[in-house]
Amino acid sequence: MEADMTLDELKQITIDYYVNLQRIKKADTANNPELAYQLKIYKNKLSSLGIPSEEYEM
């Protein structure tokens, strides 16, 4: 069984995770440093994959 992920699959999973974090941020009214940190990490991951994160921000 082949377990390697294609680049397109990796990009889609990263986009999905970033969008989920954005939805949590929108629903969360309190200051959440861990959420902010995770958003920064995934924004950098998107950038490294050549995907502009601005397209997915709420």
PDB file of N, CA and C in Angstrom:
ATOM      1  N   MET A   1       0.845  -1.177   0.000  1.00  0.00           N
ATOM      2  CA  MET A   1       0.000   0.000   0.000  1.00  0.00           C
ATOM      3  C   MET A   1       0.894   1.245   0.000  1.00  0.00           C
ATOM      4  N   GLU A   2       0.608   2.154  -0.874  1.00  0.00           N
ATOM      5  CA  GLU A   2       1.378   3.394  -0.998  1.00  0.00           C
ATOM      6  C   GLU A   2       0.865   4.409   0.020  1.00  0.00           C
ATOM      7  N   ALA A   3       1.750   4.886   0.885  1.00  0.00           N
ATOM      8  CA  ALA A   3       1.349   5.807   1.948  1.00  0.00           C
ATOM      9  C   ALA A   3       1.836   7.226   1.688  1.00  0.00           C
ATOM     10  N   ASP A   4       2.582   7.432   0.604  1.00  0.00           N
ATOM     11  CA  ASP A   4       3.101   8.766   0.319  1.00  0.00           C
ATOM     12  C   ASP A   4       1.992   9.676  -0.195  1.00  0.00           C
ATOM     13  N   MET A   5       2.049  10.919   0.243  1.00  0.00           N
ATOM     14  CA  MET A   5       1.069  11.914  -0.137  1.00  0.00           C
ATOM     15  C   MET A   5       1.593  12.705  -1.335  1.00  0.00           C
ATOM     16  N   THR A   6       0.723  13.001  -2.277  1.00  0.00           N
ATOM     17  CA  THR A   6       1.138  13.840  -3.387  1.00  0.00           C
ATOM     18  C   THR A   6       1.205  15.288  -2.911  1.00  0.00           C
ATOM     19  N   LEU A   7       1.884  16.113  -3.675  1.00  0.00           N
ATOM     20  CA  LEU A   7       1.984  17.533  -3.325  1.00  0.00           C
ATOM     21  C   LEU A   7       0.608  18.183  -3.306  1.00  0.00           C
ATOM     22  N   ASP A   8      -0.243  17.820  -4.249  1.00  0.00           N
ATOM     23  CA  ASP A   8      -1.594  18.388  -4.268  1.00  0.00           C
ATOM     24  C   ASP A   8      -2.387  17.990  -3.036  1.00  0.00           C
ATOM     25  N   GLU A   9      -2.233  16.743  -2.584  1.00  0.00           N
ATOM     26  CA  GLU A   9      -2.921  16.303  -1.371  1.00  0.00           C
ATOM     27  C   GLU A   9      -2.397  17.056  -0.156  1.00  0.00           C
ATOM     28  N   LEU A  10      -1.090  17.239  -0.082  1.00  0.00           N
ATOM     29  CA  LEU A  10      -0.493  17.993   1.024  1.00  0.00           C
ATOM     30  C   LEU A  10      -1.005  19.429   1.038  1.00  0.00           C
ATOM     31  N   LYS A  11      -1.065  20.043  -0.125  1.00  0.00           N
ATOM     32  CA  LYS A  11      -1.573  21.416  -0.215  1.00  0.00           C
ATOM     33  C   LYS A  11      -3.013  21.487   0.257  1.00  0.00           C
ATOM     34  N   GLN A  12      -3.850  20.543  -0.181  1.00  0.00           N
ATOM     35  CA  GLN A  12      -5.264  20.575   0.190  1.00  0.00           C
ATOM     36  C   GLN A  12      -5.450  20.367   1.688  1.00  0.00           C
ATOM     37  N   ILE A  13      -4.718  19.462   2.275  1.00  0.00           N
ATOM     38  CA  ILE A  13      -4.814  19.216   3.716  1.00  0.00           C
ATOM     39  C   ILE A  13      -4.377  20.452   4.498  1.00  0.00           C
ATOM     40  N   THR A  14      -3.310  21.105   4.037  1.00  0.00           N
ATOM     41  CA  THR A  14      -2.816  22.308   4.712  1.00  0.00           C
ATOM     42  C   THR A  14      -3.828  23.441   4.602  1.00  0.00           C
ATOM     43  N   ILE A  15      -4.414  23.607   3.431  1.00  0.00           N
ATOM     44  CA  ILE A  15      -5.455  24.632   3.243  1.00  0.00           C
ATOM     45  C   ILE A  15      -6.634  24.348   4.157  1.00  0.00           C
ATOM     46  N   ASP A  16      -7.089  23.109   4.176  1.00  0.00           N
ATOM     47  CA  ASP A  16      -8.237  22.738   5.016  1.00  0.00           C
ATOM     48  C   ASP A  16      -7.968  23.029   6.493  1.00  0.00           C
ATOM     49  N   TYR A  17      -6.785  22.697   6.964  1.00  0.00           N
ATOM     50  CA  TYR A  17      -6.445  22.930   8.365  1.00  0.00           C
ATOM     51  C   TYR A  17      -6.419  24.424   8.678  1.00  0.00           C
ATOM     52  N   TYR A  18      -5.833  25.201   7.767  1.00  0.00           N
ATOM     53  CA  TYR A  18      -5.766  26.654   7.965  1.00  0.00           C
ATOM     54  C   TYR A  18      -7.170  27.260   7.990  1.00  0.00           C
ATOM     55  N   VAL A  19      -8.025  26.811   7.100  1.00  0.00           N
ATOM     56  CA  VAL A  19      -9.410  27.317   7.069  1.00  0.00           C
ATOM     57  C   VAL A  19     -10.138  26.948   8.360  1.00  0.00           C
ATOM     58  N   ASN A  20      -9.904  25.749   8.859  1.00  0.00           N
ATOM     59  CA  ASN A  20     -10.521  25.352  10.133  1.00  0.00           C
ATOM     60  C   ASN A  20     -10.054  26.248  11.274  1.00  0.00           C
ATOM     61  N   LEU A  21      -8.761  26.555  11.305  1.00  0.00           N
ATOM     62  CA  LEU A  21      -8.243  27.471  12.328  1.00  0.00           C
ATOM     63  C   LEU A  21      -8.882  28.851  12.195  1.00  0.00           C
ATOM     64  N   GLN A  22      -9.076  29.303  10.969  1.00  0.00           N
ATOM     65  CA  GLN A  22      -9.719  30.600  10.736  1.00  0.00           C
ATOM     66  C   GLN A  22     -11.150  30.603  11.278  1.00  0.00           C
ATOM     67  N   ARG A  23     -11.876  29.495  11.075  1.00  0.00           N
ATOM     68  CA  ARG A  23     -13.250  29.405  11.587  1.00  0.00           C
ATOM     69  C   ARG A  23     -13.263  29.424  13.112  1.00  0.00           C
ATOM     70  N   ILE A  24     -12.307  28.737  13.733  1.00  0.00           N
ATOM     71  CA  ILE A  24     -12.208  28.742  15.193  1.00  0.00           C
ATOM     72  C   ILE A  24     -11.913  30.158  15.675  1.00  0.00           C
ATOM     73  N   LYS A  25     -11.006  30.844  14.994  1.00  0.00           N
ATOM     74  CA  LYS A  25     -10.663  32.223  15.378  1.00  0.00           C
ATOM     75  C   LYS A  25     -11.885  33.126  15.298  1.00  0.00           C
ATOM     76  N   LYS A  26     -12.682  32.958  14.252  1.00  0.00           N
ATOM     77  CA  LYS A  26     -13.864  33.800  14.085  1.00  0.00           C
ATOM     78  C   LYS A  26     -14.889  33.551  15.198  1.00  0.00           C
ATOM     79  N   ALA A  27     -15.010  32.307  15.629  1.00  0.00           N
ATOM     80  CA  ALA A  27     -15.977  31.955  16.673  1.00  0.00           C
ATOM     81  C   ALA A  27     -15.458  32.245  18.080  1.00  0.00           C
ATOM     82  N   ASP A  28     -14.142  32.312  18.239  1.00  0.00           N
ATOM     83  CA  ASP A  28     -13.528  32.500  19.551  1.00  0.00           C
ATOM     84  C   ASP A  28     -13.425  33.992  19.858  1.00  0.00           C
ATOM     85  N   THR A  29     -14.101  34.437  20.907  1.00  0.00           N
ATOM     86  CA  THR A  29     -14.091  35.857  21.247  1.00  0.00           C
ATOM     87  C   THR A  29     -13.013  36.208  22.270  1.00  0.00           C
ATOM     88  N   ALA A  30     -12.361  35.197  22.843  1.00  0.00           N
ATOM     89  CA  ALA A  30     -11.321  35.445  23.850  1.00  0.00           C
ATOM     90  C   ALA A  30      -9.940  35.493  23.181  1.00  0.00           C
ATOM     91  N   ASN A  31      -8.988  36.048  23.911  1.00  0.00           N
ATOM     92  CA  ASN A  31      -7.610  36.054  23.445  1.00  0.00           C
ATOM     93  C   ASN A  31      -7.057  34.637  23.585  1.00  0.00           C
ATOM     94  N   ASN A  32      -6.573  34.078  22.486  1.00  0.00           N
ATOM     95  CA  ASN A  32      -6.082  32.713  22.489  1.00  0.00           C
ATOM     96  C   ASN A  32      -4.700  32.673  21.850  1.00  0.00           C
ATOM     97  N   PRO A  33      -3.634  32.765  22.659  1.00  0.00           N
ATOM     98  CA  PRO A  33      -2.275  32.798  22.103  1.00  0.00           C
ATOM     99  C   PRO A  33      -1.912  31.536  21.325  1.00  0.00           C
ATOM    100  N   GLU A  34      -2.390  30.378  21.750  1.00  0.00           N
ATOM    101  CA  GLU A  34      -2.079  29.129  21.030  1.00  0.00           C
ATOM    102  C   GLU A  34      -2.710  29.129  19.644  1.00  0.00           C
ATOM    103  N   LEU A  35      -3.934  29.603  19.538  1.00  0.00           N
ATOM    104  CA  LEU A  35      -4.596  29.705  18.240  1.00  0.00           C
ATOM    105  C   LEU A  35      -3.836  30.666  17.330  1.00  0.00           C
ATOM    106  N   ALA A  36      -3.424  31.792  17.861  1.00  0.00           N
ATOM    107  CA  ALA A  36      -2.660  32.763  17.076  1.00  0.00           C
ATOM    108  C   ALA A  36      -1.348  32.147  16.592  1.00  0.00           C
ATOM    109  N   TYR A  37      -0.697  31.377  17.452  1.00  0.00           N
ATOM    110  CA  TYR A  37       0.562  30.721  17.088  1.00  0.00           C
ATOM    111  C   TYR A  37       0.334  29.677  15.986  1.00  0.00           C
ATOM    112  N   GLN A  38      -0.706  28.873  16.131  1.00  0.00           N
ATOM    113  CA  GLN A  38      -1.016  27.866  15.117  1.00  0.00           C
ATOM    114  C   GLN A  38      -1.342  28.517  13.769  1.00  0.00           C
ATOM    115  N   LEU A  39      -2.053  29.633  13.799  1.00  0.00           N
ATOM    116  CA  LEU A  39      -2.347  30.352  12.555  1.00  0.00           C
ATOM    117  C   LEU A  39      -1.064  30.832  11.882  1.00  0.00           C
ATOM    118  N   LYS A  40      -0.118  31.323  12.664  1.00  0.00           N
ATOM    119  CA  LYS A  40       1.164  31.763  12.100  1.00  0.00           C
ATOM    120  C   LYS A  40       1.910  30.594  11.470  1.00  0.00           C
ATOM    121  N   ILE A  41       1.920  29.459  12.147  1.00  0.00           N
ATOM    122  CA  ILE A  41       2.605  28.276  11.631  1.00  0.00           C
ATOM    123  C   ILE A  41       2.001  27.854  10.292  1.00  0.00           C
ATOM    124  N   TYR A  42       0.685  27.759  10.241  1.00  0.00           N
ATOM    125  CA  TYR A  42       0.052  27.298   9.011  1.00  0.00           C
ATOM    126  C   TYR A  42       0.102  28.342   7.906  1.00  0.00           C
ATOM    127  N   LYS A  43       0.138  29.604   8.267  1.00  0.00           N
ATOM    128  CA  LYS A  43       0.324  30.648   7.262  1.00  0.00           C
ATOM    129  C   LYS A  43       1.701  30.491   6.609  1.00  0.00           C
ATOM    130  N   ASN A  44       2.721  30.199   7.414  1.00  0.00           N
ATOM    131  CA  ASN A  44       4.063  29.958   6.888  1.00  0.00           C
ATOM    132  C   ASN A  44       4.117  28.685   6.051  1.00  0.00           C
ATOM    133  N   LYS A  45       3.413  27.643   6.476  1.00  0.00           N
ATOM    134  CA  LYS A  45       3.378  26.402   5.692  1.00  0.00           C
ATOM    135  C   LYS A  45       2.744  26.650   4.327  1.00  0.00           C
ATOM    136  N   LEU A  46       1.645  27.399   4.310  1.00  0.00           N
ATOM    137  CA  LEU A  46       1.004  27.724   3.033  1.00  0.00           C
ATOM    138  C   LEU A  46       1.964  28.494   2.142  1.00  0.00           C
ATOM    139  N   SER A  47       2.644  29.452   2.726  1.00  0.00           N
ATOM    140  CA  SER A  47       3.602  30.258   1.968  1.00  0.00           C
ATOM    141  C   SER A  47       4.710  29.379   1.380  1.00  0.00           C
ATOM    142  N   SER A  48       5.207  28.435   2.164  1.00  0.00           N
ATOM    143  CA  SER A  48       6.272  27.563   1.678  1.00  0.00           C
ATOM    144  C   SER A  48       5.793  26.651   0.547  1.00  0.00           C
ATOM    145  N   LEU A  49       4.486  26.412   0.490  1.00  0.00           N
ATOM    146  CA  LEU A  49       3.912  25.615  -0.592  1.00  0.00           C
ATOM    147  C   LEU A  49       3.500  26.479  -1.783  1.00  0.00           C
ATOM    148  N   GLY A  50       3.739  27.797  -1.675  1.00  0.00           N
ATOM    149  CA  GLY A  50       3.406  28.709  -2.766  1.00  0.00           C
ATOM    150  C   GLY A  50       1.944  29.094  -2.819  1.00  0.00           C
ATOM    151  N   ILE A  51       1.261  28.998  -1.685  1.00  0.00           N
ATOM    152  CA  ILE A  51      -0.169  29.313  -1.616  1.00  0.00           C
ATOM    153  C   ILE A  51      -0.348  30.592  -0.811  1.00  0.00           C
ATOM    154  N   PRO A  52      -0.944  31.635  -1.411  1.00  0.00           N
ATOM    155  CA  PRO A  52      -1.172  32.872  -0.650  1.00  0.00           C
ATOM    156  C   PRO A  52      -2.298  32.672   0.379  1.00  0.00           C
ATOM    157  N   SER A  53      -1.982  32.847   1.646  1.00  0.00           N
ATOM    158  CA  SER A  53      -2.959  32.605   2.710  1.00  0.00           C
ATOM    159  C   SER A  53      -4.076  33.631   2.727  1.00  0.00           C
ATOM    160  N   GLU A  54      -3.832  34.806   2.148  1.00  0.00           N
ATOM    161  CA  GLU A  54      -4.849  35.854   2.153  1.00  0.00           C
ATOM    162  C   GLU A  54      -6.148  35.405   1.492  1.00  0.00           C
ATOM    163  N   GLU A  55      -6.060  34.469   0.548  1.00  0.00           N
ATOM    164  CA  GLU A  55      -7.247  33.979  -0.140  1.00  0.00           C
ATOM    165  C   GLU A  55      -8.162  33.190   0.780  1.00  0.00           C
ATOM    166  N   TYR A  56      -7.630  32.717   1.909  1.00  0.00           N
ATOM    167  CA  TYR A  56      -8.389  31.848   2.802  1.00  0.00           C
ATOM    168  C   TYR A  56      -8.699  32.478   4.143  1.00  0.00           C
ATOM    169  N   GLU A  57      -8.399  33.770   4.302  1.00  0.00           N
ATOM    170  CA  GLU A  57      -8.670  34.439   5.565  1.00  0.00           C
ATOM    171  C   GLU A  57     -10.102  34.940   5.618  1.00  0.00           C
ATOM    172  N   MET A  58     -10.694  34.839   6.790  1.00  0.00           N
ATOM    173  CA  MET A  58     -12.079  35.283   6.979  1.00  0.00           C
ATOM    174  C   MET A  58     -12.101  36.709   7.454  1.00  0.00           C
TER     175      MET A  58
END
